[in-house]
């Protein structure tokens, strides 16, 4: 478990994300740039593909990872009581990201339409579908991403799933 979490945390931090919390075998992270969140998601999935190849050789089960990304306003602050306070992100954008992740398949990066609209020139979409989300009247559009293209240190890069 710690090795898996380490792989995820390294990519999140490398792309300027902040770990909000560990939730069992899941992680919630906050990014200021949706493109960096998507790049991190692709790196995580590709790193797990390599880890799983090793696990297969060792006779171990694969670790399946789903990633859901949403863009929107959040409230950042300390929540809790005098005895136990945690800094966290709250709001509809956080809840929606969680629900998007739950609808994903193993080895996927799913994004909401609000995220897609901000990065659409840099991604290739495999499938788009409407999803009913708890707490929302209307369905939302969710996009399975196949690839992301970006520049790093003046070099064009492309990550694929």
N, C-alpha and C. Protein backbone atom coordinates (compact mmCIF):
# COMPACT_ATOMS: atom_id res chain seq x y z
N UNK A 1 0.83 -1.19 0.00
CA UNK A 1 0.00 0.00 0.00
C UNK A 1 0.87 1.26 0.00
N UNK A 2 1.91 1.27 0.83
CA UNK A 2 2.76 2.46 0.91
C UNK A 2 3.49 2.72 -0.40
N UNK A 3 3.93 1.67 -1.08
CA UNK A 3 4.58 1.84 -2.38
C UNK A 3 3.60 2.46 -3.37
N UNK A 4 2.39 1.96 -3.40
CA UNK A 4 1.37 2.49 -4.31
C UNK A 4 1.08 3.96 -4.02
N UNK A 5 0.89 4.29 -2.75
CA UNK A 5 0.62 5.68 -2.38
C UNK A 5 1.80 6.57 -2.73
N UNK A 6 3.01 6.06 -2.57
CA UNK A 6 4.20 6.83 -2.91
C UNK A 6 4.26 7.18 -4.38
N UNK A 7 3.88 6.25 -5.24
CA UNK A 7 3.84 6.50 -6.68
C UNK A 7 2.87 7.64 -6.99
N UNK A 8 1.72 7.59 -6.37
CA UNK A 8 0.68 8.61 -6.62
C UNK A 8 1.14 9.97 -6.09
N UNK A 9 1.61 10.01 -4.87
CA UNK A 9 2.02 11.27 -4.24
C UNK A 9 3.13 11.94 -5.02
N UNK A 10 4.10 11.18 -5.47
CA UNK A 10 5.23 11.76 -6.22
C UNK A 10 4.73 12.49 -7.46
N UNK A 11 3.83 11.88 -8.21
CA UNK A 11 3.32 12.51 -9.42
C UNK A 11 2.48 13.74 -9.10
N UNK A 12 1.65 13.65 -8.07
CA UNK A 12 0.82 14.80 -7.69
C UNK A 12 1.70 15.98 -7.31
N UNK A 13 2.69 15.75 -6.47
CA UNK A 13 3.55 16.84 -6.01
C UNK A 13 4.41 17.39 -7.14
N UNK A 14 4.87 16.53 -8.04
CA UNK A 14 5.70 16.96 -9.16
C UNK A 14 4.92 17.92 -10.08
N UNK A 15 3.60 17.78 -10.10
CA UNK A 15 2.77 18.62 -10.96
C UNK A 15 1.98 19.65 -10.16
N UNK A 16 2.56 20.05 -9.03
CA UNK A 16 2.06 21.16 -8.22
C UNK A 16 0.69 20.92 -7.60
N UNK A 17 0.38 19.66 -7.35
CA UNK A 17 -0.85 19.34 -6.64
C UNK A 17 -0.59 19.28 -5.14
N UNK A 18 -1.66 19.35 -4.39
CA UNK A 18 -1.59 19.29 -2.94
C UNK A 18 -2.42 18.10 -2.47
N UNK A 19 -1.83 17.24 -1.65
CA UNK A 19 -2.57 16.10 -1.10
C UNK A 19 -3.51 16.62 -0.03
N UNK A 20 -4.80 16.49 -0.26
CA UNK A 20 -5.78 16.91 0.74
C UNK A 20 -5.92 15.85 1.81
N UNK A 21 -6.11 14.59 1.36
CA UNK A 21 -6.25 13.52 2.36
C UNK A 21 -6.09 12.15 1.72
N UNK A 22 -5.71 11.21 2.56
CA UNK A 22 -5.71 9.80 2.21
C UNK A 22 -7.03 9.24 2.72
N UNK A 23 -7.73 8.52 1.86
CA UNK A 23 -9.04 7.97 2.21
C UNK A 23 -9.00 6.47 1.95
N UNK A 24 -8.56 5.70 2.92
CA UNK A 24 -8.40 4.27 2.71
C UNK A 24 -7.36 4.04 1.65
N UNK A 25 -7.75 3.44 0.52
CA UNK A 25 -6.80 3.23 -0.57
C UNK A 25 -6.91 4.31 -1.63
N UNK A 26 -7.58 5.41 -1.32
CA UNK A 26 -7.73 6.51 -2.25
C UNK A 26 -7.03 7.77 -1.76
N UNK A 27 -6.85 8.70 -2.67
CA UNK A 27 -6.23 9.98 -2.35
C UNK A 27 -7.06 11.09 -2.99
N UNK A 28 -7.27 12.17 -2.24
CA UNK A 28 -7.89 13.36 -2.80
C UNK A 28 -6.80 14.43 -2.90
N UNK A 29 -6.66 15.01 -4.07
CA UNK A 29 -5.66 16.05 -4.29
C UNK A 29 -6.32 17.27 -4.91
N UNK A 30 -5.71 18.42 -4.70
CA UNK A 30 -6.20 19.68 -5.23
C UNK A 30 -5.10 20.28 -6.11
N UNK A 31 -5.49 20.73 -7.30
CA UNK A 31 -4.57 21.37 -8.24
C UNK A 31 -5.14 22.74 -8.61
N UNK A 32 -4.27 23.69 -8.87
CA UNK A 32 -4.76 24.98 -9.36
C UNK A 32 -4.89 24.98 -10.88
N UNK A 33 -4.22 24.05 -11.55
CA UNK A 33 -4.22 23.98 -13.01
C UNK A 33 -4.78 22.63 -13.46
N UNK A 34 -5.93 22.62 -14.17
CA UNK A 34 -6.52 21.35 -14.58
C UNK A 34 -5.61 20.53 -15.50
N UNK A 35 -4.79 21.18 -16.32
CA UNK A 35 -3.88 20.43 -17.19
C UNK A 35 -2.87 19.65 -16.36
N UNK A 36 -2.34 20.26 -15.31
CA UNK A 36 -1.39 19.55 -14.45
C UNK A 36 -2.05 18.38 -13.75
N UNK A 37 -3.32 18.52 -13.38
CA UNK A 37 -4.05 17.41 -12.77
C UNK A 37 -4.16 16.25 -13.75
N UNK A 38 -4.47 16.55 -15.01
CA UNK A 38 -4.61 15.50 -16.02
C UNK A 38 -3.26 14.85 -16.32
N UNK A 39 -2.21 15.64 -16.45
CA UNK A 39 -0.88 15.07 -16.70
C UNK A 39 -0.51 14.14 -15.55
N UNK A 40 -0.75 14.58 -14.32
CA UNK A 40 -0.47 13.74 -13.15
C UNK A 40 -1.27 12.44 -13.22
N UNK A 41 -2.54 12.54 -13.59
CA UNK A 41 -3.38 11.35 -13.71
C UNK A 41 -2.83 10.35 -14.72
N UNK A 42 -2.38 10.83 -15.86
CA UNK A 42 -1.80 9.95 -16.88
C UNK A 42 -0.51 9.32 -16.38
N UNK A 43 0.34 10.11 -15.74
CA UNK A 43 1.58 9.55 -15.20
C UNK A 43 1.30 8.47 -14.18
N UNK A 44 0.34 8.72 -13.31
CA UNK A 44 -0.02 7.74 -12.28
C UNK A 44 -0.46 6.44 -12.95
N UNK A 45 -1.36 6.54 -13.91
CA UNK A 45 -1.86 5.33 -14.58
C UNK A 45 -0.72 4.60 -15.29
N UNK A 46 0.16 5.32 -15.95
CA UNK A 46 1.27 4.67 -16.66
C UNK A 46 2.27 4.06 -15.68
N UNK A 47 2.51 4.71 -14.56
CA UNK A 47 3.40 4.14 -13.54
C UNK A 47 2.80 2.86 -12.95
N UNK A 48 1.48 2.85 -12.77
CA UNK A 48 0.85 1.65 -12.25
C UNK A 48 0.88 0.52 -13.27
N UNK A 49 0.85 0.85 -14.55
CA UNK A 49 0.97 -0.20 -15.58
C UNK A 49 2.32 -0.90 -15.44
N UNK A 50 3.38 -0.12 -15.21
CA UNK A 50 4.71 -0.71 -15.01
C UNK A 50 4.78 -1.52 -13.73
N UNK A 51 4.21 -0.99 -12.66
CA UNK A 51 4.18 -1.72 -11.38
C UNK A 51 3.41 -3.02 -11.53
N UNK A 52 2.29 -2.98 -12.24
CA UNK A 52 1.48 -4.18 -12.41
C UNK A 52 2.18 -5.23 -13.27
N UNK A 53 2.98 -4.80 -14.23
CA UNK A 53 3.75 -5.77 -15.02
C UNK A 53 4.72 -6.52 -14.09
N UNK A 54 5.34 -5.81 -13.20
CA UNK A 54 6.24 -6.44 -12.22
C UNK A 54 5.44 -7.35 -11.28
N UNK A 55 4.29 -6.89 -10.83
CA UNK A 55 3.48 -7.69 -9.91
C UNK A 55 3.04 -8.99 -10.59
N UNK A 56 2.69 -8.93 -11.87
CA UNK A 56 2.30 -10.13 -12.61
C UNK A 56 3.43 -11.15 -12.64
N UNK A 57 4.64 -10.68 -12.94
CA UNK A 57 5.80 -11.56 -12.97
C UNK A 57 6.02 -12.21 -11.61
N UNK A 58 5.73 -11.45 -10.55
CA UNK A 58 5.91 -11.95 -9.18
C UNK A 58 4.73 -12.78 -8.69
N UNK A 59 3.71 -12.97 -9.54
CA UNK A 59 2.55 -13.75 -9.15
C UNK A 59 1.57 -13.01 -8.26
N UNK A 60 1.66 -11.69 -8.23
CA UNK A 60 0.75 -10.88 -7.42
C UNK A 60 -0.37 -10.32 -8.27
N UNK A 61 -1.48 -9.97 -7.62
CA UNK A 61 -2.61 -9.37 -8.32
C UNK A 61 -2.27 -7.94 -8.76
N UNK A 62 -2.91 -7.51 -9.84
CA UNK A 62 -2.77 -6.14 -10.31
C UNK A 62 -3.47 -5.18 -9.34
N UNK A 63 -3.00 -3.95 -9.35
CA UNK A 63 -3.65 -2.89 -8.58
C UNK A 63 -4.40 -2.03 -9.58
N UNK A 64 -5.70 -1.95 -9.44
CA UNK A 64 -6.52 -1.19 -10.38
C UNK A 64 -6.76 0.22 -9.84
N UNK A 65 -6.56 1.19 -10.70
CA UNK A 65 -6.64 2.59 -10.32
C UNK A 65 -7.62 3.31 -11.23
N UNK A 66 -8.50 4.12 -10.63
CA UNK A 66 -9.40 5.00 -11.38
C UNK A 66 -9.09 6.43 -10.95
N UNK A 67 -9.19 7.35 -11.90
CA UNK A 67 -8.94 8.76 -11.59
C UNK A 67 -10.08 9.59 -12.14
N UNK A 68 -10.66 10.43 -11.28
CA UNK A 68 -11.72 11.36 -11.66
C UNK A 68 -11.29 12.78 -11.37
N UNK A 69 -11.45 13.65 -12.36
CA UNK A 69 -11.00 15.04 -12.21
C UNK A 69 -12.16 15.97 -12.56
N UNK A 70 -12.37 16.96 -11.71
CA UNK A 70 -13.39 17.97 -11.93
C UNK A 70 -12.77 19.33 -11.66
N UNK A 71 -13.28 20.35 -12.34
CA UNK A 71 -12.80 21.71 -12.17
C UNK A 71 -13.96 22.57 -11.66
N UNK A 72 -13.67 23.35 -10.63
CA UNK A 72 -14.69 24.24 -10.09
C UNK A 72 -14.21 24.90 -8.82
N UNK A 73 -15.07 25.71 -8.27
CA UNK A 73 -14.75 26.44 -7.04
C UNK A 73 -14.87 25.52 -5.84
N UNK A 74 -13.93 25.67 -4.91
CA UNK A 74 -13.97 24.91 -3.67
C UNK A 74 -13.76 25.89 -2.51
N UNK A 75 -14.14 25.46 -1.35
CA UNK A 75 -13.85 26.20 -0.13
C UNK A 75 -12.70 25.48 0.55
N UNK A 76 -11.63 26.21 0.83
CA UNK A 76 -10.47 25.64 1.51
C UNK A 76 -10.46 26.17 2.94
N UNK A 77 -10.32 25.26 3.89
CA UNK A 77 -10.27 25.71 5.26
C UNK A 77 -10.14 24.57 6.24
N UNK A 78 -10.06 24.95 7.50
CA UNK A 78 -9.98 23.97 8.59
C UNK A 78 -11.38 23.58 9.00
N UNK A 79 -11.60 22.28 9.10
CA UNK A 79 -12.91 21.74 9.45
C UNK A 79 -12.72 20.78 10.61
N UNK A 80 -13.61 20.84 11.57
CA UNK A 80 -13.54 19.90 12.68
C UNK A 80 -13.94 20.53 13.99
N UNK A 81 -13.33 20.04 15.05
CA UNK A 81 -13.61 20.54 16.39
C UNK A 81 -12.31 21.03 17.01
N UNK A 82 -12.39 21.56 18.21
CA UNK A 82 -11.19 22.03 18.90
C UNK A 82 -10.15 20.93 19.06
N UNK A 83 -10.61 19.73 19.29
CA UNK A 83 -9.69 18.61 19.53
C UNK A 83 -9.11 18.03 18.24
N UNK A 84 -9.84 18.17 17.14
CA UNK A 84 -9.38 17.55 15.88
C UNK A 84 -9.78 18.42 14.70
N UNK A 85 -8.81 19.07 14.09
CA UNK A 85 -9.03 19.93 12.94
C UNK A 85 -8.24 19.40 11.76
N UNK A 86 -8.81 19.47 10.58
CA UNK A 86 -8.12 19.11 9.35
C UNK A 86 -8.35 20.18 8.31
N UNK A 87 -7.29 20.50 7.56
CA UNK A 87 -7.42 21.39 6.43
C UNK A 87 -8.00 20.56 5.29
N UNK A 88 -8.97 21.09 4.58
CA UNK A 88 -9.57 20.32 3.50
C UNK A 88 -10.23 21.23 2.48
N UNK A 89 -10.58 20.65 1.35
CA UNK A 89 -11.35 21.33 0.30
C UNK A 89 -12.77 20.78 0.35
N UNK A 90 -13.74 21.68 0.30
CA UNK A 90 -15.15 21.29 0.37
C UNK A 90 -15.90 21.92 -0.79
N UNK A 91 -17.01 21.30 -1.15
CA UNK A 91 -17.89 21.91 -2.13
C UNK A 91 -18.35 20.94 -3.21
N UNK A 92 -19.23 21.44 -4.04
CA UNK A 92 -19.81 20.64 -5.11
C UNK A 92 -18.75 20.10 -6.06
N UNK A 93 -17.71 20.89 -6.34
CA UNK A 93 -16.67 20.44 -7.27
C UNK A 93 -15.95 19.20 -6.73
N UNK A 94 -15.74 19.16 -5.42
CA UNK A 94 -15.09 18.01 -4.79
C UNK A 94 -15.99 16.78 -4.87
N UNK A 95 -17.26 16.96 -4.52
CA UNK A 95 -18.21 15.84 -4.55
C UNK A 95 -18.36 15.29 -5.97
N UNK A 96 -18.41 16.18 -6.94
CA UNK A 96 -18.57 15.74 -8.33
C UNK A 96 -17.34 14.95 -8.79
N UNK A 97 -16.15 15.39 -8.44
CA UNK A 97 -14.93 14.65 -8.80
C UNK A 97 -14.97 13.24 -8.23
N UNK A 98 -15.41 13.12 -6.99
CA UNK A 98 -15.50 11.80 -6.36
C UNK A 98 -16.49 10.90 -7.09
N UNK A 99 -17.59 11.46 -7.49
CA UNK A 99 -18.61 10.65 -8.19
C UNK A 99 -18.15 10.27 -9.60
N UNK A 100 -17.41 11.15 -10.24
CA UNK A 100 -16.85 10.83 -11.56
C UNK A 100 -15.86 9.67 -11.43
N UNK A 101 -14.99 9.73 -10.44
CA UNK A 101 -13.99 8.66 -10.22
C UNK A 101 -14.67 7.32 -10.01
N UNK A 102 -15.74 7.30 -9.26
CA UNK A 102 -16.43 6.04 -8.96
C UNK A 102 -17.04 5.41 -10.22
N UNK A 103 -17.32 6.21 -11.23
CA UNK A 103 -17.92 5.66 -12.46
C UNK A 103 -16.86 5.21 -13.46
N UNK A 104 -15.60 5.37 -13.12
CA UNK A 104 -14.52 5.02 -14.03
C UNK A 104 -14.24 3.54 -14.10
N UNK A 105 -13.43 3.20 -15.07
CA UNK A 105 -12.94 1.83 -15.22
C UNK A 105 -11.49 1.81 -14.78
N UNK A 106 -10.97 0.63 -14.49
CA UNK A 106 -9.57 0.51 -14.13
C UNK A 106 -8.70 1.11 -15.25
N UNK A 107 -7.64 1.75 -14.85
CA UNK A 107 -6.67 2.36 -15.77
C UNK A 107 -7.28 3.48 -16.61
N UNK A 108 -8.20 4.24 -16.00
CA UNK A 108 -8.83 5.34 -16.74
C UNK A 108 -8.57 6.68 -16.07
N UNK A 109 -8.66 7.72 -16.89
CA UNK A 109 -8.68 9.10 -16.40
C UNK A 109 -9.95 9.71 -16.98
N UNK A 110 -10.87 10.04 -16.10
CA UNK A 110 -12.13 10.66 -16.50
C UNK A 110 -12.13 12.10 -16.06
N UNK A 111 -12.67 12.97 -16.90
CA UNK A 111 -12.78 14.38 -16.54
C UNK A 111 -14.20 14.87 -16.78
N UNK A 112 -14.59 15.83 -15.98
CA UNK A 112 -15.88 16.48 -16.17
C UNK A 112 -15.80 17.38 -17.40
N UNK A 113 -16.95 17.82 -17.87
CA UNK A 113 -16.95 18.72 -19.01
C UNK A 113 -16.31 20.05 -18.66
N UNK A 114 -16.44 20.49 -17.41
CA UNK A 114 -15.80 21.76 -17.01
C UNK A 114 -14.28 21.66 -17.12
N UNK A 115 -13.72 20.51 -16.80
CA UNK A 115 -12.28 20.31 -16.97
C UNK A 115 -11.95 20.20 -18.45
N UNK A 116 -12.71 19.41 -19.17
CA UNK A 116 -12.46 19.22 -20.61
C UNK A 116 -12.44 20.55 -21.35
N UNK A 117 -13.37 21.45 -21.05
CA UNK A 117 -13.44 22.73 -21.76
C UNK A 117 -12.17 23.56 -21.57
N UNK A 118 -11.49 23.39 -20.46
CA UNK A 118 -10.27 24.15 -20.19
C UNK A 118 -9.03 23.54 -20.86
N UNK A 119 -9.07 22.26 -21.20
CA UNK A 119 -7.88 21.57 -21.73
C UNK A 119 -8.14 20.89 -23.06
N UNK A 120 -9.26 21.14 -23.68
CA UNK A 120 -9.68 20.35 -24.85
C UNK A 120 -8.70 20.37 -26.01
N UNK A 121 -7.91 21.44 -26.14
CA UNK A 121 -6.94 21.46 -27.24
C UNK A 121 -5.73 20.58 -26.96
N UNK A 122 -5.63 20.06 -25.74
CA UNK A 122 -4.45 19.27 -25.37
C UNK A 122 -4.76 17.81 -25.08
N UNK A 123 -6.01 17.41 -25.27
CA UNK A 123 -6.37 16.02 -24.96
C UNK A 123 -7.10 15.38 -26.13
N UNK A 124 -7.06 14.07 -26.15
CA UNK A 124 -7.84 13.27 -27.09
C UNK A 124 -8.82 12.46 -26.26
N UNK A 125 -10.09 12.52 -26.63
CA UNK A 125 -11.15 11.84 -25.88
C UNK A 125 -11.48 10.51 -26.53
N UNK A 126 -11.60 9.49 -25.69
CA UNK A 126 -11.99 8.17 -26.18
C UNK A 126 -13.49 8.00 -26.21
N UNK A 127 -14.15 8.47 -25.18
CA UNK A 127 -15.60 8.29 -25.08
C UNK A 127 -16.15 9.41 -24.21
N UNK A 128 -17.34 9.88 -24.56
CA UNK A 128 -18.06 10.88 -23.76
C UNK A 128 -19.43 10.32 -23.46
N UNK A 129 -19.88 10.50 -22.23
CA UNK A 129 -21.21 10.03 -21.87
C UNK A 129 -21.82 10.96 -20.83
N UNK A 130 -23.14 10.94 -20.76
CA UNK A 130 -23.87 11.70 -19.75
C UNK A 130 -24.05 10.82 -18.53
N UNK A 131 -23.89 11.42 -17.37
CA UNK A 131 -23.98 10.66 -16.13
C UNK A 131 -24.87 11.41 -15.14
N UNK A 132 -25.78 10.69 -14.53
CA UNK A 132 -26.58 11.24 -13.45
C UNK A 132 -25.72 11.23 -12.19
N UNK A 133 -25.63 12.38 -11.54
CA UNK A 133 -24.79 12.52 -10.36
C UNK A 133 -25.67 12.92 -9.19
N UNK A 134 -25.50 12.21 -8.09
CA UNK A 134 -26.24 12.51 -6.87
C UNK A 134 -26.06 13.98 -6.50
N UNK A 135 -27.17 14.63 -6.17
CA UNK A 135 -27.12 16.02 -5.77
C UNK A 135 -27.28 17.01 -6.91
N UNK A 136 -27.40 16.52 -8.15
CA UNK A 136 -27.56 17.41 -9.30
C UNK A 136 -28.84 17.05 -10.04
N UNK A 137 -29.55 18.05 -10.48
CA UNK A 137 -30.79 17.84 -11.22
C UNK A 137 -30.52 17.28 -12.62
N UNK A 138 -29.54 17.88 -13.30
CA UNK A 138 -29.24 17.49 -14.68
C UNK A 138 -28.05 16.55 -14.72
N UNK A 139 -28.02 15.72 -15.75
CA UNK A 139 -26.85 14.85 -15.98
C UNK A 139 -25.65 15.73 -16.33
N UNK A 140 -24.47 15.22 -16.06
CA UNK A 140 -23.25 15.92 -16.44
C UNK A 140 -22.55 15.11 -17.53
N UNK A 141 -21.75 15.78 -18.33
CA UNK A 141 -20.94 15.09 -19.34
C UNK A 141 -19.62 14.69 -18.73
N UNK A 142 -19.21 13.46 -19.00
CA UNK A 142 -17.95 12.92 -18.51
C UNK A 142 -17.18 12.40 -19.71
N UNK A 143 -15.87 12.65 -19.72
CA UNK A 143 -15.02 12.28 -20.84
C UNK A 143 -13.92 11.33 -20.39
N UNK A 144 -13.82 10.15 -21.05
CA UNK A 144 -12.68 9.26 -20.86
C UNK A 144 -11.57 9.80 -21.76
N UNK A 145 -10.41 10.07 -21.20
CA UNK A 145 -9.32 10.61 -21.99
C UNK A 145 -8.40 9.49 -22.47
N UNK A 146 -7.92 9.63 -23.70
CA UNK A 146 -6.97 8.67 -24.27
C UNK A 146 -5.54 9.19 -24.22
N UNK A 147 -5.39 10.52 -24.39
CA UNK A 147 -4.04 11.09 -24.40
C UNK A 147 -4.07 12.55 -23.96
N UNK A 148 -2.90 13.04 -23.56
CA UNK A 148 -2.71 14.45 -23.23
C UNK A 148 -1.38 14.88 -23.82
N UNK A 149 -1.36 16.06 -24.43
CA UNK A 149 -0.15 16.63 -25.01
C UNK A 149 0.17 17.94 -24.29
N UNK A 150 1.47 18.17 -24.06
CA UNK A 150 1.88 19.36 -23.32
C UNK A 150 3.35 19.62 -23.58
N UNK A 151 3.80 20.81 -23.20
CA UNK A 151 5.22 21.17 -23.33
C UNK A 151 5.85 21.15 -21.95
N UNK A 152 7.05 20.57 -21.88
CA UNK A 152 7.80 20.55 -20.62
C UNK A 152 9.23 20.93 -20.93
N UNK A 153 9.69 22.03 -20.35
CA UNK A 153 11.04 22.54 -20.61
C UNK A 153 11.29 22.72 -22.10
N UNK A 154 10.30 23.22 -22.80
CA UNK A 154 10.43 23.48 -24.23
C UNK A 154 10.31 22.26 -25.12
N UNK A 155 10.04 21.09 -24.54
CA UNK A 155 9.93 19.86 -25.32
C UNK A 155 8.47 19.41 -25.33
N UNK A 156 7.94 19.13 -26.52
CA UNK A 156 6.57 18.62 -26.62
C UNK A 156 6.51 17.17 -26.15
N UNK A 157 5.51 16.86 -25.33
CA UNK A 157 5.35 15.50 -24.81
C UNK A 157 3.90 15.07 -25.02
N UNK A 158 3.72 13.76 -25.05
CA UNK A 158 2.38 13.19 -25.18
C UNK A 158 2.34 11.93 -24.34
N UNK A 159 1.33 11.83 -23.50
CA UNK A 159 1.10 10.65 -22.69
C UNK A 159 -0.17 9.98 -23.17
N UNK A 160 -0.16 8.65 -23.25
CA UNK A 160 -1.33 7.89 -23.70
C UNK A 160 -1.67 6.81 -22.71
N UNK A 161 -2.92 6.40 -22.74
CA UNK A 161 -3.37 5.25 -21.94
C UNK A 161 -3.69 4.11 -22.86
